[in-house]
Amino acid sequence: MDPAGEPAFLTTKEVADLLRVKERKVYDLAAAGEIPHRRLTGKLLFPKDELTAWISGAAPVAPASAAAPRPAVVAGSHDPLLEWAMRESRSGLAALLDGSGDGLDRFMRGEAALSVLHIPENEGGFNVATVTARAPVGAVLIAFARRTQGLIVSAEAPKPGEGITSIADLAGRRVVLRQPGSGARALFDRLAADAGVAGTIAALSTLARTETDAAAAVYAGDADAALGLEAVARQFRLGFVPLVEEECDLLIDRRAFFTPPVQALLNFLRTPDFAAKAAAMGGYDVSTITAVRWLSP
């Protein structure tokens, strides 16, 4: 308490009310090191005096580089080629892959060294506008691969007039969906809405949380189709209807960029062995790999 009896620290909710934003935004500001805060007994608290000075523009906030080191974790979208590279490079990086949205949230909270993103945006873009809007501090977005996304369907020859050749053909079909917040789900929802079949598909009650899960549901006959990668359709020897060429990028903390686990992975991504694996899997263009797509101010 200060001498006047007022609390010296504010809670996340109190700060959100003061700034007239959602609590999630306050967590993002704290994770990015953009707002004065303390983490005490597992909770975020905000020193009132420093916060008042920060609002008035008088309080410097420690840059992200001064924050606690990030764990050697890859979050975000599941990609089978990257998953293979993480193992083959012996990087030691752990994976928490539950979709692009989850990965970006974890990155903003400082829970991952890098995040795998393929978030569809207006005008056909991917990732850059989304990352720009979230404005992580001390981060760089680099290219991983251009990937072919489409419909994974049965490998059996369809009867005349019964084949799936486009999103429009999914009306009334059993479709396994990815989890909300994932890049694949956002892309599917957009394509289905554009084709006018968003409310007509028979979505399975179980969600597919990885590319492999989606293809496995079609392979097992539980679903007629799933949105997924050409590389995974090939792996399961299933049919594939190409729809979109997308950008899959890596959002990396700039300090974590130079740590041994991340460097081991990045160095491996530039090797002939990696390029050969991408070509063998199919559906990948890695010609611009590690090119900078966005850099925090």
Protein backbone atom coordinates (compact mmCIF):
# COMPACT_ATOMS: atom_id res chain seq x y z
CA MET A 1 0.00 0.00 0.00
CA ASP A 2 1.13 3.55 -0.68
CA PRO A 3 0.81 6.22 2.05
CA ALA A 4 -2.69 7.08 0.86
CA GLY A 5 -3.84 3.49 1.37
CA GLU A 6 -4.04 2.73 -2.36
CA PRO A 7 -2.57 -0.57 -3.64
CA ALA A 8 0.97 -0.22 -5.01
CA PHE A 9 0.29 -2.83 -7.68
CA LEU A 10 -2.59 -3.31 -10.12
CA THR A 11 -3.96 -6.59 -11.45
CA THR A 12 -4.22 -7.49 -15.13
CA LYS A 13 -7.96 -6.78 -15.09
CA GLU A 14 -7.45 -3.39 -13.44
CA VAL A 15 -4.84 -2.46 -16.05
CA ALA A 16 -7.15 -3.62 -18.85
CA ASP A 17 -9.95 -1.46 -17.44
CA LEU A 18 -7.58 1.49 -17.12
CA LEU A 19 -6.32 1.17 -20.70
CA ARG A 20 -9.76 0.21 -22.05
CA VAL A 21 -8.44 -2.91 -23.73
CA LYS A 22 -9.02 -6.63 -23.30
CA GLU A 23 -6.96 -8.55 -20.73
CA ARG A 24 -5.33 -10.52 -23.56
CA LYS A 25 -3.79 -7.28 -24.86
CA VAL A 26 -2.30 -6.59 -21.43
CA TYR A 27 -0.72 -10.05 -21.38
CA ASP A 28 0.71 -9.41 -24.86
CA LEU A 29 2.17 -6.06 -23.80
CA ALA A 30 3.81 -7.68 -20.79
CA ALA A 31 5.18 -10.60 -22.82
CA ALA A 32 6.70 -8.18 -25.31
CA GLY A 33 8.28 -6.11 -22.53
CA GLU A 34 6.28 -3.05 -23.56
CA ILE A 35 4.62 -2.29 -20.21
CA PRO A 36 6.13 -2.15 -16.68
CA HIS A 37 5.24 -5.29 -14.76
CA ARG A 38 6.43 -7.80 -12.20
CA ARG A 39 5.80 -11.54 -11.99
CA LEU A 40 5.26 -12.42 -8.35
CA THR A 41 4.03 -15.76 -6.97
CA GLY A 42 3.15 -16.78 -10.52
CA LYS A 43 0.95 -13.75 -11.16
CA LEU A 44 1.44 -10.62 -13.24
CA LEU A 45 1.31 -7.42 -11.22
CA PHE A 46 1.80 -3.87 -12.45
CA PRO A 47 3.50 -1.21 -10.26
CA LYS A 48 1.08 1.70 -10.17
CA ASP A 49 3.68 4.49 -10.11
CA GLU A 50 5.63 3.04 -13.07
CA LEU A 51 2.43 2.38 -14.97
CA THR A 52 1.26 5.97 -14.51
CA ALA A 53 4.62 7.24 -15.75
CA TRP A 54 4.49 4.80 -18.69
CA ILE A 55 1.06 6.06 -19.74
CA SER A 56 2.35 9.62 -19.64
CA GLY A 57 5.33 8.61 -21.77
CA ALA A 58 7.94 9.15 -19.08
CA ALA A 59 8.75 5.59 -18.10
CA PRO A 60 11.23 3.54 -20.14
CA VAL A 61 10.43 -0.12 -20.35
CA ALA A 62 13.12 -2.78 -20.47
CA PRO A 63 13.56 -4.03 -24.05
CA ALA A 64 12.72 -7.63 -24.91
CA SER A 65 16.43 -8.46 -25.01
CA ALA A 66 16.55 -7.81 -21.25
CA ALA A 67 13.73 -10.27 -20.58
CA ALA A 68 14.24 -13.79 -19.28
CA PRO A 69 15.69 -16.25 -21.83
CA ARG A 70 13.05 -18.12 -23.81
CA PRO A 71 12.77 -21.90 -23.57
CA ALA A 72 14.12 -23.98 -26.48
CA VAL A 73 10.62 -24.62 -27.77
CA VAL A 74 9.05 -24.52 -31.22
CA ALA A 75 5.35 -23.61 -31.11
CA GLY A 76 2.74 -23.10 -33.81
CA SER A 77 1.72 -25.08 -36.86
CA HIS A 78 2.61 -28.71 -37.44
CA ASP A 79 4.79 -29.22 -40.51
CA PRO A 80 6.17 -32.69 -41.29
CA LEU A 81 9.26 -31.39 -43.10
CA LEU A 82 10.22 -29.09 -40.23
CA GLU A 83 9.47 -31.86 -37.72
CA TRP A 84 11.91 -34.10 -39.61
CA ALA A 85 14.53 -31.33 -39.71
CA MET A 86 14.27 -30.74 -35.96
CA ARG A 87 15.10 -34.41 -35.35
CA GLU A 88 17.73 -34.76 -38.07
CA SER A 89 19.59 -31.62 -37.01
CA ARG A 90 19.75 -32.85 -33.40
CA SER A 91 18.76 -29.35 -32.39
CA GLY A 92 17.31 -30.38 -29.05
CA LEU A 93 14.30 -28.14 -29.65
CA ALA A 94 11.04 -29.31 -28.09
CA ALA A 95 7.73 -28.99 -29.95
CA LEU A 96 4.38 -27.59 -28.77
CA LEU A 97 2.50 -27.64 -32.06
CA ASP A 98 -1.18 -26.74 -31.72
CA GLY A 99 -1.78 -24.37 -34.62
CA SER A 100 -0.52 -21.01 -35.82
CA GLY A 101 -2.76 -18.97 -33.53
CA ASP A 102 -1.67 -20.86 -30.43
CA GLY A 103 1.96 -20.60 -31.52
CA LEU A 104 1.77 -16.84 -31.97
CA ASP A 105 0.12 -16.45 -28.57
CA ARG A 106 2.83 -18.55 -26.94
CA PHE A 107 5.52 -16.53 -28.68
CA MET A 108 4.02 -13.26 -27.46
CA ARG A 109 3.97 -14.63 -23.89
CA GLY A 110 7.65 -15.62 -24.12
CA GLU A 111 6.89 -19.35 -24.00
CA ALA A 112 8.68 -20.29 -27.24
CA ALA A 113 11.91 -19.40 -29.00
CA LEU A 114 10.23 -19.62 -32.39
CA SER A 115 6.81 -20.19 -33.87
CA VAL A 116 5.67 -21.79 -37.14
CA LEU A 117 3.02 -19.67 -38.88
CA HIS A 118 0.81 -19.95 -41.97
CA ILE A 119 -1.97 -17.49 -41.27
CA PRO A 120 -4.07 -16.45 -44.30
CA GLU A 121 -4.67 -12.71 -44.69
CA ASN A 122 -6.54 -10.37 -47.00
CA GLU A 123 -5.32 -9.94 -50.58
CA GLY A 124 -3.83 -13.43 -50.53
CA GLY A 125 -0.99 -12.71 -48.12
CA PHE A 126 0.25 -14.81 -45.22
CA ASN A 127 1.65 -13.98 -41.78
CA VAL A 128 3.28 -10.57 -42.31
CA ALA A 129 0.25 -8.36 -41.61
CA THR A 130 -0.72 -10.51 -38.62
CA VAL A 131 2.73 -10.33 -37.06
CA THR A 132 2.95 -6.61 -37.78
CA ALA A 133 -0.35 -6.06 -35.94
CA ARG A 134 0.80 -8.06 -32.90
CA ALA A 135 4.13 -6.18 -32.96
CA PRO A 136 6.45 -8.54 -31.06
CA VAL A 137 9.60 -6.84 -29.77
CA GLY A 138 13.02 -8.15 -30.77
CA ALA A 139 11.77 -10.64 -33.36
CA VAL A 140 12.33 -11.60 -36.98
CA LEU A 141 10.04 -13.47 -39.38
CA ILE A 142 11.92 -15.62 -41.89
CA ALA A 143 10.71 -17.80 -44.76
CA PHE A 144 10.53 -21.54 -44.26
CA ALA A 145 8.71 -22.78 -47.36
CA ARG A 146 5.99 -22.19 -49.88
CA ARG A 147 3.62 -25.12 -49.44
CA THR A 148 0.82 -26.53 -51.56
CA GLN A 149 -2.41 -26.78 -49.55
CA GLY A 150 -5.43 -28.60 -50.89
CA LEU A 151 -7.99 -31.31 -50.29
CA ILE A 152 -6.77 -34.71 -49.17
CA VAL A 153 -9.22 -37.28 -50.55
CA SER A 154 -9.52 -41.04 -51.03
CA ALA A 155 -7.02 -42.67 -53.36
CA GLU A 156 -9.71 -44.92 -54.81
CA ALA A 157 -11.04 -43.98 -58.23
CA PRO A 158 -14.39 -42.22 -57.71
CA LYS A 159 -17.58 -43.26 -59.45
CA PRO A 160 -18.65 -40.96 -62.31
CA GLY A 161 -20.01 -37.70 -60.89
CA GLU A 162 -19.00 -38.54 -57.32
CA GLY A 163 -15.43 -37.27 -57.21
CA ILE A 164 -14.16 -34.33 -55.14
CA THR A 165 -12.44 -31.84 -57.43
CA SER A 166 -13.05 -28.56 -55.55
CA ILE A 167 -14.25 -27.07 -52.28
CA ALA A 168 -17.75 -26.83 -53.78
CA ASP A 169 -17.89 -30.64 -53.97
CA LEU A 170 -17.73 -30.89 -50.17
CA ALA A 171 -21.45 -30.13 -49.72
CA GLY A 172 -22.90 -33.00 -47.71
CA ARG A 173 -19.52 -34.73 -47.39
CA ARG A 174 -17.79 -35.89 -44.22
CA VAL A 175 -14.91 -33.52 -43.54
CA VAL A 176 -12.40 -33.64 -40.71
CA LEU A 177 -11.58 -30.09 -39.58
CA ARG A 178 -8.49 -28.68 -37.91
CA GLN A 179 -8.71 -26.95 -34.54
CA PRO A 180 -9.96 -23.33 -34.30
CA GLY A 181 -7.05 -20.90 -34.36
CA SER A 182 -4.95 -23.02 -36.70
CA GLY A 183 -3.88 -21.63 -40.06
CA ALA A 184 -5.44 -24.59 -41.87
CA ARG A 185 -8.80 -24.01 -40.17
CA ALA A 186 -8.75 -20.30 -41.00
CA LEU A 187 -7.95 -21.11 -44.63
CA PHE A 188 -10.63 -23.81 -44.86
CA ASP A 189 -13.30 -21.56 -43.32
CA ARG A 190 -12.46 -18.83 -45.83
CA LEU A 191 -12.48 -21.17 -48.85
CA ALA A 192 -15.70 -22.88 -47.74
CA ALA A 193 -17.43 -19.54 -47.23
CA ASP A 194 -16.31 -18.32 -50.66
CA ALA A 195 -17.65 -21.53 -52.23
CA GLY A 196 -20.95 -21.26 -50.36
CA VAL A 197 -20.63 -24.64 -48.62
CA ALA A 198 -19.66 -23.52 -45.11
CA GLY A 199 -22.92 -24.72 -43.56
CA THR A 200 -23.43 -27.80 -45.70
CA ILE A 201 -20.52 -30.08 -44.81
CA ALA A 202 -20.83 -32.96 -42.35
CA ALA A 203 -17.96 -32.07 -40.01
CA LEU A 204 -16.61 -34.90 -37.85
CA SER A 205 -16.98 -34.40 -34.10
CA THR A 206 -13.27 -35.09 -33.62
CA LEU A 207 -10.78 -32.42 -34.70
CA ALA A 208 -7.44 -33.14 -36.39
CA ARG A 209 -4.68 -31.29 -34.54
CA THR A 210 -1.86 -32.17 -36.95
CA GLU A 211 -1.42 -32.69 -40.67
CA THR A 212 -0.91 -36.38 -39.99
CA ASP A 213 -4.15 -36.67 -38.00
CA ALA A 214 -6.11 -35.08 -40.87
CA ALA A 215 -4.72 -37.47 -43.48
CA ALA A 216 -5.15 -40.47 -41.18
CA ALA A 217 -8.89 -39.77 -40.85
CA VAL A 218 -9.27 -39.88 -44.64
CA TYR A 219 -7.05 -42.95 -44.95
CA ALA A 220 -9.13 -44.79 -42.35
CA GLY A 221 -12.36 -43.94 -44.18
CA ASP A 222 -13.70 -41.81 -41.31
CA ALA A 223 -13.75 -38.70 -43.51
CA ASP A 224 -14.23 -38.05 -47.21
CA ALA A 225 -11.82 -35.13 -47.24
CA ALA A 226 -9.55 -32.88 -45.19
CA LEU A 227 -7.66 -29.71 -45.94
CA GLY A 228 -3.96 -30.49 -45.77
CA LEU A 229 -0.56 -30.55 -47.39
CA GLU A 230 0.34 -32.27 -50.64
CA ALA A 231 3.33 -33.82 -48.89
CA VAL A 232 1.11 -35.57 -46.35
CA ALA A 233 -1.32 -36.80 -49.01
CA ARG A 234 1.67 -38.37 -50.79
CA GLN A 235 2.91 -39.93 -47.56
CA PHE A 236 -0.44 -41.71 -47.10
CA ARG A 237 -0.78 -42.38 -50.86
CA LEU A 238 -4.07 -40.51 -50.94
CA GLY A 239 -5.60 -38.33 -53.65
CA PHE A 240 -4.94 -34.60 -53.61
CA VAL A 241 -6.72 -31.57 -55.07
CA PRO A 242 -4.37 -28.53 -55.00
CA LEU A 243 -6.02 -25.25 -53.96
CA VAL A 244 -3.55 -22.70 -52.56
CA GLU A 245 0.16 -21.92 -52.51
CA GLU A 246 0.84 -20.58 -49.02
CA GLU A 247 3.76 -19.07 -47.13
CA CYS A 248 4.93 -20.97 -44.06
CA ASP A 249 7.26 -18.80 -41.96
CA LEU A 250 9.25 -18.97 -38.74
CA LEU A 251 8.87 -16.18 -36.18
CA ILE A 252 12.05 -16.17 -34.09
CA ASP A 253 13.11 -14.21 -31.02
CA ARG A 254 16.26 -12.35 -32.02
CA ARG A 255 18.20 -13.32 -28.90
CA ALA A 256 17.09 -16.95 -29.19
CA PHE A 257 18.14 -16.82 -32.86
CA PHE A 258 21.80 -17.10 -31.80
CA THR A 259 21.39 -19.90 -29.25
CA PRO A 260 22.85 -23.34 -30.11
CA PRO A 261 19.48 -25.15 -30.53
CA VAL A 262 18.07 -22.59 -32.97
CA GLN A 263 21.38 -22.24 -34.83
CA ALA A 264 21.60 -26.03 -35.21
CA LEU A 265 18.18 -26.07 -36.88
CA LEU A 266 18.80 -23.04 -39.11
CA ASN A 267 22.16 -24.36 -40.27
CA PHE A 268 20.58 -27.68 -41.20
CA LEU A 269 17.83 -25.94 -43.18
CA ARG A 270 20.53 -24.66 -45.56
CA THR A 271 22.02 -28.09 -46.32
CA PRO A 272 21.64 -30.19 -49.50
CA ASP A 273 20.15 -32.99 -47.37
CA PHE A 274 17.28 -30.73 -46.34
CA ALA A 275 16.65 -29.56 -49.91
CA ALA A 276 16.64 -33.16 -51.11
CA LYS A 277 14.14 -34.18 -48.44
CA ALA A 278 11.82 -31.28 -49.38
CA ALA A 279 11.93 -32.34 -53.03
CA ALA A 280 11.28 -35.98 -52.18
CA MET A 281 8.26 -35.15 -49.99
CA GLY A 282 6.69 -32.93 -52.68
CA GLY A 283 4.57 -29.83 -52.38
CA TYR A 284 7.39 -27.69 -50.96
CA ASP A 285 9.34 -24.80 -52.48
CA VAL A 286 12.29 -23.99 -50.19
CA SER A 287 14.18 -21.76 -52.62
CA THR A 288 13.81 -18.68 -50.38
CA ILE A 289 14.37 -20.43 -47.05
CA THR A 290 15.60 -18.14 -44.21
CA ALA A 291 14.92 -14.98 -46.26
CA VAL A 292 13.76 -12.17 -43.95
CA ARG A 293 10.04 -11.44 -44.36
CA TRP A 294 9.58 -9.03 -41.43
CA LEU A 295 11.80 -7.46 -38.78
CA SER A 296 10.62 -5.76 -35.61
CA PRO A 297 11.47 -2.06 -35.36
